[in-house]
PDB file of N, CA and C in Angstrom:
ATOM      1  N   ASN A   1       0.959   2.764  29.415  1.00  0.00           N
ATOM      2  CA  ASN A   1       2.581   3.730  29.280  1.00  0.00           C
ATOM      3  C   ASN A   1       2.747   3.244  28.497  1.00  0.00           C
ATOM      4  N   ILE A   2       3.365   4.629  27.459  1.00  0.00           N
ATOM      5  CA  ILE A   2       3.605   4.288  26.505  1.00  0.00           C
ATOM      6  C   ILE A   2       5.418   3.508  25.902  1.00  0.00           C
ATOM      7  N   GLN A   3       5.486   3.669  26.581  1.00  0.00           N
ATOM      8  CA  GLN A   3       7.084   2.018  26.339  1.00  0.00           C
ATOM      9  C   GLN A   3       6.319   1.243  26.665  1.00  0.00           C
ATOM     10  N   THR A   4       5.634   0.478  27.310  1.00  0.00           N
ATOM     11  CA  THR A   4       4.924  -1.233  27.692  1.00  0.00           C
ATOM     12  C   THR A   4       4.058  -0.545  26.215  1.00  0.00           C
ATOM     13  N   TYR A   5       4.046   0.114  25.918  1.00  0.00           N
ATOM     14  CA  TYR A   5       2.953   0.275  24.401  1.00  0.00           C
ATOM     15  C   TYR A   5       4.361   0.193  24.164  1.00  0.00           C
ATOM     16  N   MET A   6       5.048   0.155  22.841  1.00  0.00           N
ATOM     17  CA  MET A   6       5.715   0.918  22.615  1.00  0.00           C
ATOM     18  C   MET A   6       6.473  -0.553  22.097  1.00  0.00           C
ATOM     19  N   LEU A   7       6.664  -1.689  23.469  1.00  0.00           N
ATOM     20  CA  LEU A   7       7.550  -2.712  23.058  1.00  0.00           C
ATOM     21  C   LEU A   7       7.062  -3.748  23.602  1.00  0.00           C
ATOM     22  N   GLU A   8       5.345  -3.412  23.777  1.00  0.00           N
ATOM     23  CA  GLU A   8       4.539  -4.918  23.808  1.00  0.00           C
ATOM     24  C   GLU A   8       3.807  -4.249  22.740  1.00  0.00           C
ATOM     25  N   ASN A   9       4.091  -3.879  21.181  1.00  0.00           N
ATOM     26  CA  ASN A   9       2.697  -3.690  20.558  1.00  0.00           C
ATOM     27  C   ASN A   9       3.457  -4.566  19.965  1.00  0.00           C
ATOM     28  N   ASP A  10       2.758  -5.881  18.693  1.00  0.00           N
ATOM     29  CA  ASP A  10       2.921  -6.315  17.750  1.00  0.00           C
ATOM     30  C   ASP A  10       2.573  -5.022  16.322  1.00  0.00           C
ATOM     31  N   LYS A  11       2.089  -4.458  17.090  1.00  0.00           N
ATOM     32  CA  LYS A  11       2.813  -3.455  14.551  1.00  0.00           C
ATOM     33  C   LYS A  11       3.258  -2.813  14.436  1.00  0.00           C
ATOM     34  N   PRO A  12       3.521  -2.236  13.444  1.00  0.00           N
ATOM     35  CA  PRO A  12       4.671  -1.349  13.571  1.00  0.00           C
ATOM     36  C   PRO A  12       4.850   0.038  14.361  1.00  0.00           C
ATOM     37  N   VAL A  13       5.844   0.634  15.449  1.00  0.00           N
ATOM     38  CA  VAL A  13       5.288   1.443  16.280  1.00  0.00           C
ATOM     39  C   VAL A  13       6.499   2.508  15.372  1.00  0.00           C
ATOM     40  N   CYS A  14       5.761   4.117  15.396  1.00  0.00           N
ATOM     41  CA  CYS A  14       7.255   5.271  15.108  1.00  0.00           C
ATOM     42  C   CYS A  14       7.513   5.636  15.996  1.00  0.00           C
ATOM     43  N   ARG A  15       8.439   5.311  15.602  1.00  0.00           N
ATOM     44  CA  ARG A  15      10.448   5.228  16.982  1.00  0.00           C
ATOM     45  C   ARG A  15       9.988   6.636  16.514  1.00  0.00           C
ATOM     46  N   THR A  16      10.719   7.640  15.873  1.00  0.00           N
ATOM     47  CA  THR A  16      11.180   8.760  15.298  1.00  0.00           C
ATOM     48  C   THR A  16      10.451   9.611  14.745  1.00  0.00           C
ATOM     49  N   PHE A  17      10.280  11.079  15.081  1.00  0.00           N
ATOM     50  CA  PHE A  17       9.430  11.889  14.315  1.00  0.00           C
ATOM     51  C   PHE A  17      10.429  12.932  13.601  1.00  0.00           C
ATOM     52  N   LEU A  18      11.376  13.469  12.667  1.00  0.00           N
ATOM     53  CA  LEU A  18      11.884  14.740  12.774  1.00  0.00           C
ATOM     54  C   LEU A  18      10.965  15.519  11.756  1.00  0.00           C
ATOM     55  N   TYR A  19      11.435  16.330  12.405  1.00  0.00           N
ATOM     56  CA  TYR A  19      10.323  17.465  11.377  1.00  0.00           C
ATOM     57  C   TYR A  19      11.697  19.107  10.917  1.00  0.00           C
ATOM     58  N   PHE A  20      10.998  18.578   9.290  1.00  0.00           N
ATOM     59  CA  PHE A  20      12.012  20.266   8.998  1.00  0.00           C
ATOM     60  C   PHE A  20      11.308  21.238   8.819  1.00  0.00           C
ATOM     61  N   THR A  21      11.310  22.607   9.207  1.00  0.00           N
ATOM     62  CA  THR A  21      10.513  23.538   8.724  1.00  0.00           C
ATOM     63  C   THR A  21      11.055  24.871   7.929  1.00  0.00           C
ATOM     64  N   SER A  22      12.408  24.881   8.108  1.00  0.00           N
ATOM     65  CA  SER A  22      13.724  26.090   7.908  1.00  0.00           C
ATOM     66  C   SER A  22      13.210  25.501   5.361  1.00  0.00           C
ATOM     67  N   GLU A  23      12.826  26.756   5.342  1.00  0.00           N
ATOM     68  CA  GLU A  23      12.404  27.035   3.461  1.00  0.00           C
ATOM     69  C   GLU A  23      13.632  26.410   2.973  1.00  0.00           C
ATOM     70  N   SER A  24      14.721  26.877   2.976  1.00  0.00           N
ATOM     71  CA  SER A  24      16.216  26.124   3.000  1.00  0.00           C
ATOM     72  C   SER A  24      16.153  24.304   2.821  1.00  0.00           C
ATOM     73  N   TYR A  25      16.120  24.176   3.995  1.00  0.00           N
ATOM     74  CA  TYR A  25      15.939  22.997   4.350  1.00  0.00           C
ATOM     75  C   TYR A  25      14.765  22.182   3.680  1.00  0.00           C
ATOM     76  N   LEU A  26      14.367  22.638   3.411  1.00  0.00           N
ATOM     77  CA  LEU A  26      12.600  21.590   2.755  1.00  0.00           C
ATOM     78  C   LEU A  26      13.141  21.763   1.459  1.00  0.00           C
ATOM     79  N   HIS A  27      13.438  22.537   1.090  1.00  0.00           N
ATOM     80  CA  HIS A  27      14.130  22.420  -0.960  1.00  0.00           C
ATOM     81  C   HIS A  27      14.560  21.654  -1.014  1.00  0.00           C
ATOM     82  N   CYS A  28      15.703  21.824  -0.312  1.00  0.00           N
ATOM     83  CA  CYS A  28      16.909  20.999  -0.590  1.00  0.00           C
ATOM     84  C   CYS A  28      16.211  19.560   0.267  1.00  0.00           C
ATOM     85  N   ILE A  29      16.053  18.905   1.010  1.00  0.00           N
ATOM     86  CA  ILE A  29      15.049  18.108   0.556  1.00  0.00           C
ATOM     87  C   ILE A  29      14.536  17.437   0.127  1.00  0.00           C
ATOM     88  N   ARG A  30      13.411  18.779  -0.856  1.00  0.00           N
ATOM     89  CA  ARG A  30      13.030  18.420  -1.794  1.00  0.00           C
ATOM     90  C   ARG A  30      13.709  17.569  -2.713  1.00  0.00           C
ATOM     91  N   ASN A  31      14.405  18.264  -3.463  1.00  0.00           N
ATOM     92  CA  ASN A  31      15.428  18.745  -4.729  1.00  0.00           C
ATOM     93  C   ASN A  31      16.053  17.078  -4.518  1.00  0.00           C
ATOM     94  N   ALA A  32      16.863  17.522  -3.671  1.00  0.00           N
ATOM     95  CA  ALA A  32      16.851  16.186  -2.662  1.00  0.00           C
ATOM     96  C   ALA A  32      16.271  13.975  -3.577  1.00  0.00           C
ATOM     97  N   LEU A  33      15.117  14.428  -3.047  1.00  0.00           N
ATOM     98  CA  LEU A  33      14.457  13.311  -3.454  1.00  0.00           C
ATOM     99  C   LEU A  33      13.251  12.643  -5.232  1.00  0.00           C
ATOM    100  N   ILE A  34      13.892  14.054  -5.230  1.00  0.00           N
ATOM    101  CA  ILE A  34      13.422  14.561  -6.363  1.00  0.00           C
ATOM    102  C   ILE A  34      14.327  13.820  -7.612  1.00  0.00           C
ATOM    103  N   LEU A  35      15.106  13.784  -7.471  1.00  0.00           N
ATOM    104  CA  LEU A  35      16.452  13.204  -7.880  1.00  0.00           C
ATOM    105  C   LEU A  35      17.390  12.166  -7.906  1.00  0.00           C
ATOM    106  N   SER A  36      16.559  11.472  -6.228  1.00  0.00           N
ATOM    107  CA  SER A  36      17.067  10.291  -5.952  1.00  0.00           C
ATOM    108  C   SER A  36      16.422   9.478  -6.387  1.00  0.00           C
ATOM    109  N   ASP A  37      16.583   7.746  -6.138  1.00  0.00           N
ATOM    110  CA  ASP A  37      16.046   6.998  -6.131  1.00  0.00           C
ATOM    111  C   ASP A  37      15.055   6.071  -5.783  1.00  0.00           C
ATOM    112  N   ILE A  38      14.655   6.742  -4.274  1.00  0.00           N
ATOM    113  CA  ILE A  38      13.739   6.565  -3.272  1.00  0.00           C
ATOM    114  C   ILE A  38      12.197   6.478  -3.613  1.00  0.00           C
ATOM    115  N   PRO A  39      11.561   5.649  -3.984  1.00  0.00           N
ATOM    116  CA  PRO A  39       9.885   5.936  -5.100  1.00  0.00           C
ATOM    117  C   PRO A  39       9.182   6.191  -3.663  1.00  0.00           C
ATOM    118  N   ALA A  40       8.459   6.866  -5.391  1.00  0.00           N
ATOM    119  CA  ALA A  40       7.492   8.261  -4.058  1.00  0.00           C
ATOM    120  C   ALA A  40       6.600   7.535  -4.615  1.00  0.00           C
ATOM    121  N   ASN A  41       5.142   7.864  -3.615  1.00  0.00           N
ATOM    122  CA  ASN A  41       3.609   7.839  -3.832  1.00  0.00           C
ATOM    123  C   ASN A  41       3.460   8.456  -4.824  1.00  0.00           C
ATOM    124  N   LYS A  42       3.101   7.834  -5.441  1.00  0.00           N
ATOM    125  CA  LYS A  42       2.100   7.861  -6.778  1.00  0.00           C
ATOM    126  C   LYS A  42       1.502   8.743  -7.104  1.00  0.00           C
ATOM    127  N   TYR A  43       0.795   9.183  -5.999  1.00  0.00           N
ATOM    128  CA  TYR A  43      -0.198  10.546  -6.530  1.00  0.00           C
ATOM    129  C   TYR A  43      -0.118  11.610  -5.957  1.00  0.00           C
ATOM    130  N   VAL A  44       1.378  11.148  -5.221  1.00  0.00           N
ATOM    131  CA  VAL A  44       2.287  13.513  -4.510  1.00  0.00           C
ATOM    132  C   VAL A  44       2.837  13.513  -5.349  1.00  0.00           C
ATOM    133  N   ALA A  45       4.099  12.902  -5.958  1.00  0.00           N
ATOM    134  CA  ALA A  45       4.938  12.280  -7.510  1.00  0.00           C
ATOM    135  C   ALA A  45       5.268  13.669  -8.010  1.00  0.00           C
ATOM    136  N   GLU A  46       4.057  14.479  -8.621  1.00  0.00           N
ATOM    137  CA  GLU A  46       4.232  14.857  -9.313  1.00  0.00           C
ATOM    138  C   GLU A  46       4.050  16.533  -9.104  1.00  0.00           C
ATOM    139  N   ASP A  47       3.153  16.124  -7.826  1.00  0.00           N
ATOM    140  CA  ASP A  47       2.635  17.544  -6.801  1.00  0.00           C
ATOM    141  C   ASP A  47       4.561  18.118  -6.431  1.00  0.00           C
ATOM    142  N   ILE A  48       5.561  17.260  -5.750  1.00  0.00           N
ATOM    143  CA  ILE A  48       6.381  17.465  -5.565  1.00  0.00           C
ATOM    144  C   ILE A  48       7.051  18.591  -5.954  1.00  0.00           C
ATOM    145  N   GLU A  49       7.785  17.951  -7.703  1.00  0.00           N
ATOM    146  CA  GLU A  49       8.139  19.526  -8.133  1.00  0.00           C
ATOM    147  C   GLU A  49       7.489  20.456  -7.708  1.00  0.00           C
ATOM    148  N   GLY A  50       6.202  20.811  -8.440  1.00  0.00           N
ATOM    149  CA  GLY A  50       5.728  22.424  -8.421  1.00  0.00           C
ATOM    150  C   GLY A  50       5.600  22.710  -7.261  1.00  0.00           C
ATOM    151  N   MET A  51       6.087  21.956  -6.231  1.00  0.00           N
ATOM    152  CA  MET A  51       5.164  22.594  -4.667  1.00  0.00           C
ATOM    153  C   MET A  51       6.073  23.867  -3.798  1.00  0.00           C
ATOM    154  N   GLU A  52       5.456  24.930  -4.037  1.00  0.00           N
ATOM    155  CA  GLU A  52       5.943  25.969  -3.174  1.00  0.00           C
ATOM    156  C   GLU A  52       5.661  26.011  -1.843  1.00  0.00           C
ATOM    157  N   CYS A  53       6.979  26.538  -1.164  1.00  0.00           N
ATOM    158  CA  CYS A  53       7.043  26.230   0.212  1.00  0.00           C
ATOM    159  C   CYS A  53       6.525  27.557   0.391  1.00  0.00           C
ATOM    160  N   SER A  54       5.496  27.832   1.084  1.00  0.00           N
ATOM    161  CA  SER A  54       4.457  28.258   2.316  1.00  0.00           C
ATOM    162  C   SER A  54       4.598  28.630   3.574  1.00  0.00           C
ATOM    163  N   TYR A  55       4.155  29.842   4.487  1.00  0.00           N
ATOM    164  CA  TYR A  55       4.669  30.293   5.448  1.00  0.00           C
ATOM    165  C   TYR A  55       3.518  28.780   5.838  1.00  0.00           C
ATOM    166  N   PHE A  56       4.513  28.305   7.161  1.00  0.00           N
ATOM    167  CA  PHE A  56       4.205  26.738   8.045  1.00  0.00           C
ATOM    168  C   PHE A  56       4.539  25.669   6.840  1.00  0.00           C
ATOM    169  N   SER A  57       5.230  26.238   5.890  1.00  0.00           N
ATOM    170  CA  SER A  57       5.836  24.868   5.100  1.00  0.00           C
ATOM    171  C   SER A  57       5.914  23.737   6.228  1.00  0.00           C
ATOM    172  N   HIS A  58       6.305  21.961   5.589  1.00  0.00           N
ATOM    173  CA  HIS A  58       6.616  21.839   6.805  1.00  0.00           C
ATOM    174  C   HIS A  58       7.413  20.316   5.948  1.00  0.00           C
ATOM    175  N   GLY A  59       8.467  19.543   6.308  1.00  0.00           N
ATOM    176  CA  GLY A  59       8.370  18.036   5.751  1.00  0.00           C
ATOM    177  C   GLY A  59       9.038  17.946   7.235  1.00  0.00           C
ATOM    178  N   ILE A  60       8.020  15.942   6.904  1.00  0.00           N
ATOM    179  CA  ILE A  60       8.031  14.983   8.127  1.00  0.00           C
ATOM    180  C   ILE A  60       9.450  13.367   7.793  1.00  0.00           C
ATOM    181  N   VAL A  61       9.863  12.893   8.763  1.00  0.00           N
ATOM    182  CA  VAL A  61      10.535  11.797   8.583  1.00  0.00           C
ATOM    183  C   VAL A  61      10.153  10.668   9.155  1.00  0.00           C
ATOM    184  N   ARG A  62       9.617   9.819   9.600  1.00  0.00           N
ATOM    185  CA  ARG A  62       9.234   9.249  10.471  1.00  0.00           C
ATOM    186  C   ARG A  62       9.852   7.840  10.237  1.00  0.00           C
ATOM    187  N   VAL A  63      10.268   7.512  11.805  1.00  0.00           N
ATOM    188  CA  VAL A  63      11.188   6.046  11.524  1.00  0.00           C
ATOM    189  C   VAL A  63      10.528   4.934  12.353  1.00  0.00           C
ATOM    190  N   PHE A  64      10.109   4.267  11.942  1.00  0.00           N
ATOM    191  CA  PHE A  64       8.825   2.584  12.272  1.00  0.00           C
ATOM    192  C   PHE A  64      10.283   1.989  12.756  1.00  0.00           C
ATOM    193  N   GLU A  65       9.037   1.404  13.314  1.00  0.00           N
ATOM    194  CA  GLU A  65       9.399  -0.265  13.812  1.00  0.00           C
ATOM    195  C   GLU A  65       8.471  -1.791  13.513  1.00  0.00           C
ATOM    196  N   ASP A  66       9.350  -2.352  12.824  1.00  0.00           N
ATOM    197  CA  ASP A  66       8.305  -3.954  12.680  1.00  0.00           C
ATOM    198  C   ASP A  66       8.742  -4.733  13.629  1.00  0.00           C
ATOM    199  N   PRO A  67       7.681  -4.501  14.622  1.00  0.00           N
ATOM    200  CA  PRO A  67       8.541  -5.650  15.414  1.00  0.00           C
ATOM    201  C   PRO A  67       8.376  -7.626  14.933  1.00  0.00           C
ATOM    202  N   ASN A  68       7.237  -8.542  13.890  1.00  0.00           N
ATOM    203  CA  ASN A  68       6.945  -8.888  14.004  1.00  0.00           C
ATOM    204  C   ASN A  68       8.278  -9.816  12.782  1.00  0.00           C
ATOM    205  N   CYS A  69       9.076  -7.774  11.772  1.00  0.00           N
ATOM    206  CA  CYS A  69       9.981  -8.551  10.684  1.00  0.00           C
ATOM    207  C   CYS A  69      10.930  -8.962  12.031  1.00  0.00           C
ATOM    208  N   THR A  70      11.446 -10.443  10.606  1.00  0.00           N
ATOM    209  CA  THR A  70      12.543 -11.332  10.781  1.00  0.00           C
ATOM    210  C   THR A  70      14.144 -10.173   9.770  1.00  0.00           C
ATOM    211  N   ASP A  71      13.960  -9.986   9.790  1.00  0.00           N
ATOM    212  CA  ASP A  71      15.204  -9.567   8.797  1.00  0.00           C
ATOM    213  C   ASP A  71      14.629  -8.325   9.089  1.00  0.00           C
ATOM    214  N   GLN A  72      16.271  -8.580   9.196  1.00  0.00           N
ATOM    215  CA  GLN A  72      17.041  -7.033   9.703  1.00  0.00           C
ATOM    216  C   GLN A  72      17.273  -5.153   8.697  1.00  0.00           C
ATOM    217  N   GLU A  73      17.131  -6.334   7.977  1.00  0.00           N
ATOM    218  CA  GLU A  73      17.327  -4.895   6.600  1.00  0.00           C
ATOM    219  C   GLU A  73      16.110  -4.076   6.678  1.00  0.00           C
ATOM    220  N   ASP A  74      14.958  -4.857   6.876  1.00  0.00           N
ATOM    221  CA  ASP A  74      13.662  -4.229   6.840  1.00  0.00           C
ATOM    222  C   ASP A  74      13.162  -3.731   7.919  1.00  0.00           C
ATOM    223  N   ARG A  75      13.963  -4.235   9.112  1.00  0.00           N
ATOM    224  CA  ARG A  75      12.954  -4.508  10.400  1.00  0.00           C
ATOM    225  C   ARG A  75      12.973  -2.615  10.400  1.00  0.00           C
ATOM    226  N   PHE A  76      13.553  -1.443  10.070  1.00  0.00           N
ATOM    227  CA  PHE A  76      13.689  -0.397  10.506  1.00  0.00           C
ATOM    228  C   PHE A  76      13.007   0.335   9.223  1.00  0.00           C
ATOM    229  N   TYR A  77      12.174   1.170   8.791  1.00  0.00           N
ATOM    230  CA  TYR A  77      12.091   1.956   7.717  1.00  0.00           C
ATOM    231  C   TYR A  77      10.703   3.658   7.568  1.00  0.00           C
ATOM    232  N   ILE A  78      11.027   3.905   7.313  1.00  0.00           N
ATOM    233  CA  ILE A  78      10.887   5.649   7.138  1.00  0.00           C
ATOM    234  C   ILE A  78       9.247   5.902   6.233  1.00  0.00           C
ATOM    235  N   ASP A  79       9.573   6.990   6.875  1.00  0.00           N
ATOM    236  CA  ASP A  79       8.074   7.596   5.892  1.00  0.00           C
ATOM    237  C   ASP A  79       8.740   9.281   5.490  1.00  0.00           C
ATOM    238  N   VAL A  80       8.308  10.102   4.542  1.00  0.00           N
ATOM    239  CA  VAL A  80       8.496  11.280   3.934  1.00  0.00           C
ATOM    240  C   VAL A  80       7.288  11.208   4.074  1.00  0.00           C
ATOM    241  N   GLN A  81       7.110  12.698   3.851  1.00  0.00           N
ATOM    242  CA  GLN A  81       6.088  14.090   4.216  1.00  0.00           C
ATOM    243  C   GLN A  81       5.844  14.591   4.531  1.00  0.00           C
ATOM    244  N   PHE A  82       5.199  15.740   3.431  1.00  0.00           N
ATOM    245  CA  PHE A  82       5.667  16.942   3.216  1.00  0.00           C
ATOM    246  C   PHE A  82       4.179  18.090   3.037  1.00  0.00           C
ATOM    247  N   SER A  83       4.146  19.382   3.341  1.00  0.00           N
ATOM    248  CA  SER A  83       3.362  20.168   3.486  1.00  0.00           C
ATOM    249  C   SER A  83       3.352  21.156   2.792  1.00  0.00           C
ATOM    250  N   PRO A  84       2.835  21.643   1.948  1.00  0.00           N
ATOM    251  CA  PRO A  84       3.260  23.538   1.175  1.00  0.00           C
ATOM    252  C   PRO A  84       3.002  24.192   2.059  1.00  0.00           C
ATOM    253  N   GLY A  85       1.844  24.051   3.369  1.00  0.00           N
ATOM    254  CA  GLY A  85       1.771  24.667   4.129  1.00  0.00           C
ATOM    255  C   GLY A  85       0.466  25.780   4.003  1.00  0.00           C
ATOM    256  N   ALA A  86       0.833  27.089   5.003  1.00  0.00           N
ATOM    257  CA  ALA A  86      -0.687  27.692   4.187  1.00  0.00           C
ATOM    258  C   ALA A  86      -0.838  28.114   2.829  1.00  0.00           C
ATOM    259  N   HIS A  87      -2.244  28.433   2.785  1.00  0.00           N
ATOM    260  CA  HIS A  87      -2.997  29.047   2.437  1.00  0.00           C
ATOM    261  C   HIS A  87      -3.584  29.791   1.828  1.00  0.00           C
ATOM    262  N   GLY A  88      -4.278  30.697   0.975  1.00  0.00           N
ATOM    263  CA  GLY A  88      -5.580  31.347   1.153  1.00  0.00           C
ATOM    264  C   GLY A  88      -5.122  32.445   1.724  1.00  0.00           C
ATOM    265  N   ALA A  89      -5.444  34.428   1.463  1.00  0.00           N
ATOM    266  CA  ALA A  89      -5.273  35.087   1.765  1.00  0.00           C
ATOM    267  C   ALA A  89      -5.234  35.706   3.613  1.00  0.00           C
ATOM    268  N   PRO A  90      -4.696  35.579   4.633  1.00  0.00           N
ATOM    269  CA  PRO A  90      -5.183  35.852   5.605  1.00  0.00           C
ATOM    270  C   PRO A  90      -6.059  37.108   5.962  1.00  0.00           C
ATOM    271  N   LEU A  91      -6.293  37.777   5.152  1.00  0.00           N
ATOM    272  CA  LEU A  91      -7.244  39.006   5.713  1.00  0.00           C
ATOM    273  C   LEU A  91      -8.227  38.850   5.504  1.00  0.00           C
ATOM    274  N   THR A  92      -8.484  37.816   4.031  1.00  0.00           N
ATOM    275  CA  THR A  92      -9.661  37.665   3.268  1.00  0.00           C
ATOM    276  C   THR A  92     -10.810  35.813   3.672  1.00  0.00           C
ATOM    277  N   ASP A  93      -9.318  35.393   4.164  1.00  0.00           N
ATOM    278  CA  ASP A  93      -9.825  33.537   4.605  1.00  0.00           C
ATOM    279  C   ASP A  93     -10.909  33.588   5.408  1.00  0.00           C
ATOM    280  N   THR A  94     -11.255  34.125   6.419  1.00  0.00           N
ATOM    281  CA  THR A  94     -10.763  33.605   7.696  1.00  0.00           C
ATOM    282  C   THR A  94     -12.116  33.092   8.366  1.00  0.00           C
ATOM    283  N   ASN A  95     -12.449  32.550   9.444  1.00  0.00           N
ATOM    284  CA  ASN A  95     -13.401  32.087   9.584  1.00  0.00           C
ATOM    285  C   ASN A  95     -13.265  31.289  11.010  1.00  0.00           C
ATOM    286  N   GLU A  96     -14.548  31.893  12.090  1.00  0.00           N
ATOM    287  CA  GLU A  96     -14.816  31.229  13.079  1.00  0.00           C
ATOM    288  C   GLU A  96     -14.259  29.211  13.431  1.00  0.00           C
ATOM    289  N   ASP A  97     -14.355  29.088  12.681  1.00  0.00           N
ATOM    290  CA  ASP A  97     -15.069  28.123  12.740  1.00  0.00           C
ATOM    291  C   ASP A  97     -13.126  27.176  12.507  1.00  0.00           C
ATOM    292  N   ARG A  98     -12.165  27.959  12.783  1.00  0.00           N
ATOM    293  CA  ARG A  98     -10.729  27.088  11.641  1.00  0.00           C
ATOM    294  C   ARG A  98      -9.985  27.544  12.432  1.00  0.00           C
ATOM    295  N   ASP A  99      -8.703  27.855  11.635  1.00  0.00           N
ATOM    296  CA  ASP A  99      -7.320  28.555  11.735  1.00  0.00           C
ATOM    297  C   ASP A  99      -7.625  29.684  10.752  1.00  0.00           C
ATOM    298  N   VAL A 100      -6.648  30.872  11.732  1.00  0.00           N
ATOM    299  CA  VAL A 100      -6.930  32.040  10.920  1.00  0.00           C
ATOM    300  C   VAL A 100      -6.757  31.831   8.995  1.00  0.00           C
ATOM    301  N   VAL A 101      -5.590  30.950   9.076  1.00  0.00           N
ATOM    302  CA  VAL A 101      -5.366  30.866   8.017  1.00  0.00           C
ATOM    303  C   VAL A 101      -4.330  28.822   7.390  1.00  0.00           C
ATOM    304  N   PRO A 102      -5.486  28.349   6.598  1.00  0.00           N
ATOM    305  CA  PRO A 102      -6.234  27.232   6.746  1.00  0.00           C
ATOM    306  C   PRO A 102      -4.387  26.448   6.906  1.00  0.00           C
ATOM    307  N   VAL A 103      -3.595  24.992   6.594  1.00  0.00           N
ATOM    308  CA  VAL A 103      -2.709  24.289   6.311  1.00  0.00           C
ATOM    309  C   VAL A 103      -3.262  23.363   5.876  1.00  0.00           C
ATOM    310  N   ILE A 104      -1.984  22.855   4.537  1.00  0.00           N
ATOM    311  CA  ILE A 104      -2.496  21.594   4.072  1.00  0.00           C
ATOM    312  C   ILE A 104      -1.776  20.606   5.168  1.00  0.00           C
ATOM    313  N   HIS A 105      -2.544  19.791   4.555  1.00  0.00           N
ATOM    314  CA  HIS A 105      -1.865  18.670   6.557  1.00  0.00           C
ATOM    315  C   HIS A 105      -0.544  18.449   4.949  1.00  0.00           C
ATOM    316  N   ALA A 106       0.240  17.492   5.763  1.00  0.00           N
ATOM    317  CA  ALA A 106       1.201  16.758   5.098  1.00  0.00           C
ATOM    318  C   ALA A 106       1.125  15.116   4.000  1.00  0.00           C
ATOM    319  N   CYS A 107       1.600  15.372   2.950  1.00  0.00           N
ATOM    320  CA  CYS A 107       1.394  14.167   2.092  1.00  0.00           C
ATOM    321  C   CYS A 107       2.602  12.990   2.301  1.00  0.00           C
ATOM    322  N   PRO A 108       1.988  12.730   2.101  1.00  0.00           N
ATOM    323  CA  PRO A 108       3.245  11.382   2.289  1.00  0.00           C
ATOM    324  C   PRO A 108       3.678  11.612   1.138  1.00  0.00           C
ATOM    325  N   LEU A 109       5.828  11.241   0.844  1.00  0.00           N
ATOM    326  CA  LEU A 109       6.011  10.622  -0.603  1.00  0.00           C
ATOM    327  C   LEU A 109       6.683   9.338  -0.512  1.00  0.00           C
ATOM    328  N   THR A 110       6.371   8.915   0.221  1.00  0.00           N
ATOM    329  CA  THR A 110       6.976   7.513   0.235  1.00  0.00           C
ATOM    330  C   THR A 110       6.692   6.779   1.333  1.00  0.00           C
ATOM    331  N   GLY A 111       6.544   5.198   0.917  1.00  0.00           N
ATOM    332  CA  GLY A 111       6.028   3.994   2.166  1.00  0.00           C
ATOM    333  C   GLY A 111       6.613   3.993   2.795  1.00  0.00           C
ATOM    334  N   ARG A 112       7.067   2.060   2.830  1.00  0.00           N
ATOM    335  CA  ARG A 112       7.661   1.334   3.743  1.00  0.00           C
ATOM    336  C   ARG A 112       9.268   2.062   2.703  1.00  0.00           C
ATOM    337  N   TYR A 113      10.271   2.290   3.327  1.00  0.00           N
ATOM    338  CA  TYR A 113      11.279   2.662   3.092  1.00  0.00           C
ATOM    339  C   TYR A 113      12.307   2.222   3.732  1.00  0.00           C
ATOM    340  N   PRO A 114      13.195   1.254   3.648  1.00  0.00           N
ATOM    341  CA  PRO A 114      14.427   1.209   4.381  1.00  0.00           C
ATOM    342  C   PRO A 114      15.072   2.129   4.943  1.00  0.00           C
ATOM    343  N   LEU A 115      14.823   1.329   6.207  1.00  0.00           N
ATOM    344  CA  LEU A 115      16.285   2.995   7.477  1.00  0.00           C
ATOM    345  C   LEU A 115      17.598   2.993   6.588  1.00  0.00           C
ATOM    346  N   ASN A 116      18.066   1.917   6.042  1.00  0.00           N
ATOM    347  CA  ASN A 116      19.699   1.994   5.905  1.00  0.00           C
ATOM    348  C   ASN A 116      19.727   2.369   4.893  1.00  0.00           C
ATOM    349  N   ALA A 117      19.030   1.905   3.775  1.00  0.00           N
ATOM    350  CA  ALA A 117      18.342   2.889   2.132  1.00  0.00           C
ATOM    351  C   ALA A 117      18.414   4.330   2.844  1.00  0.00           C
ATOM    352  N   PHE A 118      18.330   4.225   2.894  1.00  0.00           N
ATOM    353  CA  PHE A 118      17.350   5.882   3.593  1.00  0.00           C
ATOM    354  C   PHE A 118      18.907   6.416   4.628  1.00  0.00           C
ATOM    355  N   PHE A 119      19.735   6.189   5.058  1.00  0.00           N
ATOM    356  CA  PHE A 119      20.932   6.497   5.369  1.00  0.00           C
ATOM    357  C   PHE A 119      21.623   6.345   4.085  1.00  0.00           C
ATOM    358  N   GLU A 120      21.934   5.664   3.016  1.00  0.00           N
ATOM    359  CA  GLU A 120      23.051   5.655   2.356  1.00  0.00           C
ATOM    360  C   GLU A 120      22.599   6.923   1.094  1.00  0.00           C
ATOM    361  N   PHE A 121      20.870   7.272   1.395  1.00  0.00           N
ATOM    362  CA  PHE A 121      20.521   8.179   0.509  1.00  0.00           C
ATOM    363  C   PHE A 121      21.721   9.767   0.644  1.00  0.00           C
ATOM    364  N   LEU A 122      21.289   9.165   1.878  1.00  0.00           N
ATOM    365  CA  LEU A 122      21.619  10.854   3.121  1.00  0.00           C
ATOM    366  C   LEU A 122      22.704  11.338   3.089  1.00  0.00           C
ATOM    367  N   SER A 123      23.910  10.232   3.089  1.00  0.00           N
ATOM    368  CA  SER A 123      25.257   9.752   2.685  1.00  0.00           C
ATOM    369  C   SER A 123      26.533  10.021   0.938  1.00  0.00           C
ATOM    370  N   HIS A 124      25.554  10.341   0.513  1.00  0.00           N
ATOM    371  CA  HIS A 124      25.900  10.380  -0.931  1.00  0.00           C
ATOM    372  C   HIS A 124      25.729  12.297  -1.251  1.00  0.00           C
TER     373      HIS A 124
END
């Protein structure tokens, strides 16, 4: 059962998922992340600024708990991911083996960022 797994597992466990699909929310969160001091994943940091939000764009904030961490400040942390959504032309880019319009998978923007620091970021 999932509750037993989450309580007895000694690995970091994702506790909460927050999904954002509204384009206005995505632009707001994206712009705030660009202007913040939150360390970005170096591979996608350059791409987030030029990212166009398309159909099925989404952002994900995952909250993790590391049960092995003794420091309360670092015990809970977040991971932020974004996907620009669907790409291609739905009338011409069809294939029976996949979705009608391919959706780009969410890419991580941040690594292990302390939850308390993220709350401070949101409160500004």
